[in-house]
Protein backbone atom coordinates (compact mmCIF):
# COMPACT_ATOMS: atom_id res chain seq x y z
CA MET A 1 15.65 0.33 24.74
CA THR A 2 13.37 2.39 22.47
CA GLU A 3 13.79 -0.18 19.66
CA ARG A 4 11.31 -2.39 21.55
CA ILE A 5 8.42 0.08 21.08
CA PRO A 6 6.52 -1.03 17.91
CA ALA A 7 4.69 2.27 17.33
CA LEU A 8 7.92 4.24 17.62
CA ASN A 9 9.66 1.91 15.18
CA SER A 10 6.91 2.53 12.60
CA VAL A 11 7.23 6.27 12.94
CA ARG A 12 11.01 6.07 12.68
CA LEU A 13 10.67 3.97 9.53
CA ALA A 14 8.48 6.70 8.03
CA ILE A 15 11.01 9.34 9.06
CA ASP A 16 13.74 7.33 7.34
CA GLY A 17 11.67 7.39 4.14
CA VAL A 18 11.24 11.16 4.37
CA ASP A 19 14.97 11.57 4.99
CA ASP A 20 15.72 9.54 1.87
CA GLY A 21 13.39 11.80 -0.07
CA LEU A 22 15.17 14.88 1.25
CA VAL A 23 18.51 13.51 0.12
CA LEU A 24 17.10 12.80 -3.36
CA LEU A 25 15.80 16.37 -3.59
CA LEU A 26 19.13 17.77 -2.39
CA ALA A 27 20.92 15.73 -5.05
CA ALA A 28 18.62 17.18 -7.71
CA ARG A 29 19.20 20.69 -6.37
CA THR A 30 22.96 20.19 -6.46
CA ARG A 31 22.81 19.17 -10.13
CA LEU A 32 20.72 22.25 -10.92
CA ALA A 33 23.13 24.47 -8.99
CA ARG A 34 26.05 23.07 -10.99
CA LEU A 35 24.17 23.85 -14.20
CA ALA A 36 23.42 27.38 -12.95
CA GLY A 37 27.12 27.91 -12.31
CA ARG A 38 28.00 26.93 -15.88
CA ILE A 39 25.30 29.22 -17.30
CA LYS A 40 26.52 32.17 -15.21
CA SER A 41 30.11 31.53 -16.16
CA ARG A 42 29.30 31.59 -19.89
CA ALA A 43 27.23 34.76 -19.46
CA GLY A 44 29.91 36.51 -17.42
CA ALA A 45 27.47 36.87 -14.51
CA GLU A 46 29.49 35.12 -11.82
CA GLY A 47 29.05 36.23 -8.23
CA ARG A 48 26.41 36.66 -5.60
CA ASP A 49 22.90 38.03 -6.22
CA ALA A 50 21.88 39.45 -2.84
CA ALA A 51 18.38 40.41 -4.01
CA ARG A 52 17.65 36.86 -5.14
CA GLU A 53 19.04 35.51 -1.88
CA GLN A 54 16.56 37.60 0.06
CA ARG A 55 13.64 36.59 -2.17
CA VAL A 56 14.44 32.89 -1.84
CA GLN A 57 14.67 33.08 1.94
CA GLN A 58 11.46 35.09 2.28
CA ARG A 59 9.56 32.72 0.00
CA ALA A 60 10.73 29.73 2.03
CA LYS A 61 9.75 31.39 5.30
CA HIS A 62 6.27 32.31 4.07
CA LEU A 63 5.63 28.81 2.72
CA ALA A 64 6.98 27.17 5.89
CA SER A 65 4.75 29.33 8.06
CA ALA A 66 1.69 28.45 5.98
CA LEU A 67 2.48 24.73 6.30
CA GLY A 68 3.06 24.83 10.06
CA VAL A 69 6.86 24.61 9.92
CA ALA A 70 9.06 27.00 11.85
CA PRO A 71 10.31 29.60 9.33
CA GLU A 72 13.75 29.46 10.94
CA THR A 73 13.91 25.73 10.29
CA ALA A 74 13.14 26.16 6.60
CA ALA A 75 15.64 29.00 6.35
CA GLY A 76 18.30 26.86 8.02
CA VAL A 77 17.77 23.95 5.64
CA LEU A 78 17.92 26.32 2.69
CA ALA A 79 21.09 27.89 4.02
CA LEU A 80 22.75 24.46 4.00
CA ALA A 81 21.53 23.78 0.47
CA ILE A 82 22.76 27.20 -0.65
CA GLY A 83 26.15 26.51 0.89
CA ASP A 84 26.36 23.31 -1.12
CA ALA A 85 25.39 25.23 -4.27
CA CYS A 86 28.24 27.65 -3.59
CA ARG A 87 30.61 24.72 -3.22
CA VAL A 88 29.73 23.16 -6.58
CA GLN A 89 29.89 26.57 -8.26
CA GLY A 90 33.29 27.32 -6.75
CA LEU A 91 31.99 30.32 -4.79
CA ARG A 92 32.29 31.29 -1.18
CA SER A 93 28.71 32.50 -0.95
CA ASP A 94 26.32 32.72 -3.91
CA LEU A 95 22.64 32.02 -4.13
CA ASP A 96 22.04 33.16 -7.72
CA GLN A 97 20.72 30.24 -9.73
CA GLY A 98 20.93 31.99 -13.07
CA THR A 99 17.39 33.43 -13.40
CA ALA A 100 16.43 36.90 -14.48
CA GLU A 101 14.53 39.31 -12.26
CA GLY A 102 10.89 38.25 -11.97
CA ALA A 103 11.43 34.93 -13.69
CA GLY A 104 10.22 32.98 -10.66
CA GLY A 105 13.30 30.90 -9.87
CA MET A 106 15.30 28.16 -11.53
CA ILE A 107 12.53 25.59 -11.21
CA ALA A 108 10.11 27.93 -12.97
CA ALA A 109 12.64 28.44 -15.77
CA ILE A 110 12.99 24.70 -16.21
CA MET A 111 9.24 24.18 -16.16
CA HIS A 112 8.79 26.65 -19.00
CA THR A 113 11.66 25.25 -21.11
CA GLN A 114 10.47 23.88 -24.45
CA ASN A 115 13.72 22.83 -26.14
CA ASP A 116 14.42 19.16 -25.43
CA SER A 117 18.14 19.67 -26.02
CA THR A 118 18.67 22.14 -23.17
CA PRO A 119 20.88 21.18 -20.23
CA ALA A 120 17.94 21.88 -17.89
CA LEU A 121 15.84 19.15 -19.48
CA SER A 122 18.84 16.84 -19.47
CA LEU A 123 18.95 17.21 -15.70
CA LEU A 124 15.21 16.71 -15.34
CA ARG A 125 15.61 13.41 -17.16
CA LEU A 126 17.82 12.22 -14.31
CA LEU A 127 14.91 12.44 -11.88
CA PRO A 128 13.19 9.09 -11.31
CA PRO A 129 9.52 8.70 -12.31
CA PRO A 130 7.04 8.60 -9.41
CA ARG A 131 6.65 4.82 -9.53
CA ARG A 132 10.25 4.44 -8.33
CA LEU A 133 9.34 6.35 -5.19
CA ALA A 134 6.51 3.95 -4.43
CA PRO A 135 8.59 1.69 -2.11
CA LEU A 136 9.54 4.72 0.01
CA LEU A 137 5.95 5.91 0.29
CA ARG A 138 4.66 2.44 1.10
CA ALA A 139 7.04 2.43 4.05
CA VAL A 140 5.06 5.31 5.57
CA PRO A 141 2.58 3.82 8.07
CA ALA A 142 -1.06 3.88 6.99
CA SER A 143 -1.95 5.89 10.08
CA THR A 144 0.49 8.63 9.08
CA GLN A 145 -0.83 8.69 5.49
CA LYS A 146 -4.36 8.93 6.86
CA ARG A 147 -3.53 11.82 9.17
CA LEU A 148 -1.73 13.80 6.45
CA LEU A 149 -4.54 13.30 3.91
CA GLU A 150 -7.22 14.29 6.41
CA ARG A 151 -5.34 17.47 7.29
CA ALA A 152 -4.85 18.37 3.63
CA MET A 153 -8.55 17.81 2.86
CA ALA A 154 -9.56 19.91 5.85
CA LYS A 155 -7.49 22.83 4.56
CA VAL A 156 -8.51 22.59 0.91
CA LEU A 157 -12.20 21.96 1.55
CA ALA A 158 -12.75 24.21 4.56
CA ALA A 159 -15.12 26.56 2.65
CA PRO A 160 -17.43 23.92 1.07
CA MET A 161 -17.43 22.06 4.37
CA ALA A 162 -18.63 25.17 6.20
CA ASP A 163 -21.35 26.15 3.72
CA GLY A 164 -22.79 22.65 3.33
CA THR A 165 -21.66 22.04 -0.26
CA LEU A 166 -20.11 18.76 0.83
CA ASP A 167 -23.26 17.45 2.50
CA PHE A 168 -23.85 15.10 -0.45
CA MET A 169 -20.86 13.09 0.83
CA ALA A 170 -22.49 12.32 4.18
CA GLY A 171 -22.21 8.58 4.68
CA ARG A 172 -20.85 8.13 1.13
CA ARG A 173 -17.45 6.62 0.41
CA LEU A 174 -15.21 7.94 -2.36
CA GLY A 175 -11.95 6.23 -3.29
CA ILE A 176 -8.79 7.99 -4.46
CA GLU A 177 -6.17 5.81 -6.16
CA VAL A 178 -2.69 6.99 -7.17
CA SER A 179 -1.89 4.30 -9.69
CA ASP A 180 1.86 4.76 -10.16
CA LEU A 181 2.55 5.11 -6.44
CA GLY A 182 0.41 2.16 -5.40
CA LEU A 183 -1.54 4.32 -2.94
CA ARG A 184 -5.28 4.10 -2.32
CA TRP A 185 -7.58 5.73 0.20
CA VAL A 186 -11.33 5.78 0.81
CA VAL A 187 -12.79 8.96 2.29
CA GLU A 188 -16.16 9.53 3.93
CA LEU A 189 -17.87 12.61 5.37
CA GLN A 190 -18.50 12.08 9.06
CA GLY A 191 -20.09 15.09 10.73
CA ARG A 192 -18.11 18.07 9.48
CA GLN A 193 -14.92 16.19 8.66
CA LEU A 194 -13.72 14.05 5.76
CA VAL A 195 -12.03 10.99 7.22
CA VAL A 196 -10.15 8.06 5.74
CA VAL A 197 -12.01 4.78 6.33
CA ASP A 198 -11.21 1.11 5.82
CA THR A 199 -14.49 0.19 4.10
CA PRO A 200 -14.89 -0.35 0.31
CA ALA A 201 -15.48 2.70 -1.87
CA GLU A 202 -18.75 3.31 -3.72
CA ALA A 203 -16.89 5.21 -6.45
CA THR A 204 -13.17 5.53 -7.17
CA VAL A 205 -11.12 8.10 -9.05
CA ARG A 206 -7.84 6.67 -10.36
CA GLY A 207 -4.92 8.50 -11.95
CA THR A 208 -1.16 8.97 -11.82
CA ALA A 209 0.47 11.17 -9.20
CA THR A 210 1.30 13.80 -11.83
CA ASP A 211 -2.20 13.96 -13.30
CA LEU A 212 -3.85 14.16 -9.88
CA LEU A 213 -1.41 16.90 -8.92
CA LEU A 214 -2.17 18.78 -12.14
CA LEU A 215 -5.86 18.58 -11.27
CA ALA A 216 -5.29 19.73 -7.68
CA GLY A 217 -3.04 22.58 -8.85
CA ARG A 218 -5.63 23.79 -11.40
CA LEU A 219 -3.26 23.25 -14.33
CA GLU A 220 -5.60 20.72 -15.97
CA ASP A 221 -9.38 20.51 -15.81
CA ALA A 222 -11.21 17.33 -14.89
CA ASP A 223 -13.10 17.08 -18.20
CA THR A 224 -9.86 17.00 -20.20
CA LEU A 225 -8.25 14.42 -17.94
CA PHE A 226 -11.29 12.13 -18.03
CA PHE A 227 -11.71 12.55 -21.79
CA GLN A 228 -8.08 11.57 -22.36
CA ARG A 229 -8.49 8.62 -19.96
CA ARG A 230 -5.75 9.99 -17.74
CA LEU A 231 -8.29 9.92 -14.93
CA VAL A 232 -10.68 6.98 -14.64
CA LEU A 233 -13.91 6.89 -12.65
CA THR A 234 -15.33 3.52 -11.58
CA GLY A 235 -18.23 2.44 -9.41
CA ASP A 236 -21.08 4.86 -8.63
CA VAL A 237 -20.66 7.30 -11.52
CA GLU A 238 -23.21 9.77 -10.12
CA LEU A 239 -21.32 10.10 -6.84
CA GLY A 240 -18.00 10.52 -8.64
CA LEU A 241 -19.35 13.15 -11.03
CA THR A 242 -20.98 15.08 -8.20
CA ALA A 243 -17.65 15.17 -6.35
CA ARG A 244 -15.84 16.24 -9.52
CA ASN A 245 -18.34 19.05 -10.21
CA MET A 246 -18.00 20.28 -6.64
CA LEU A 247 -14.21 20.47 -7.01
CA ASP A 248 -14.56 22.28 -10.35
CA ARG A 249 -16.70 24.94 -8.65
CA LEU A 250 -14.43 25.26 -5.63
CA PRO A 251 -13.21 28.89 -5.45
CA TRP A 252 -9.41 28.68 -5.75
CA GLU A 253 -9.02 31.73 -3.52
CA THR A 254 -10.57 29.85 -0.59
CA VAL A 255 -7.62 27.45 -0.52
CA PRO A 256 -4.87 28.69 1.84
CA LEU A 257 -2.21 30.68 -0.03
CA GLY A 258 0.70 28.51 1.07
CA LEU A 259 -1.07 25.37 -0.11
CA ARG A 260 -2.00 26.99 -3.44
CA ILE A 261 1.64 27.90 -4.02
CA ALA A 262 2.83 24.39 -3.12
CA LEU A 263 0.23 22.68 -5.34
CA ASN A 264 0.84 24.95 -8.33
CA ARG A 265 4.63 24.77 -8.23
CA GLY A 266 4.63 21.08 -7.47
CA ALA A 267 2.27 20.40 -10.39
CA ARG A 268 4.37 22.46 -12.81
CA PHE A 269 7.57 20.71 -11.76
CA ALA A 270 5.95 17.26 -11.99
CA ARG A 271 4.64 18.04 -15.49
CA ALA A 272 8.07 19.22 -16.65
CA ALA A 273 9.79 16.19 -15.14
CA ARG A 274 7.35 13.81 -16.80
CA GLY A 275 7.81 15.48 -20.16
CA ALA A 276 11.59 15.26 -19.86
CA TYR A 277 11.47 11.60 -18.83
CA ARG A 278 9.18 10.70 -21.74
CA ALA A 279 11.44 12.55 -24.16
CA LYS A 280 14.35 10.44 -22.92
CA ALA A 281 12.40 7.27 -23.57
């Protein structure tokens, strides 16, 4: 009966895309867990690390809470992933992924790896480049993309919105294009809210998903990215440069902690994955 409701079908299609993404991430985590098991075995450090288990769970709960997800839900998903890690490592219960105290987790260790011959980079090379995820993302309804982007902008830009720094955007339309994902939005300041509109942009910033994430996560500055042509500005240059300068001056501490953590870690992982994929090529 519910299959006859068009709006519900669109949402379910988007959910299917997210589910596929979750499975891809779980597959990557399983490969990393298998690698961690081999590293521990060689080092004679087999067994459970209770302290790390607690840190991983607490980190997940804090991040989930900051993103509006029930901490128990995040902890439950992690528990299932941890159980799978134990299975591939031949353990009954073990969360240790082979990192030293204070190292920041297995992903952080991979992101700081410099030797192209390491097993960690070999696993990163198995991850598909962002462009291969484009079909999944395009399956997400435009209305859902719009809602998610507007919420993210509201969180990141809450401070400049409140103090009037964004007033220059009133009635102006700025485009954001993620070239390798085939995604494009136009945003406009309406009242005290940045909204996604269907009208043409006056200026557009275009870049890959990784480079835009590096910019958002403060791992690359805008000047470097534009100089290297990794970001391209077209249309009304004055509007685009004003927006860029405003973002450069945005106090990082005004961005919610959970979002800062997600942006920074996501940007580091994306940069490491891109480097590994290019090395393979």
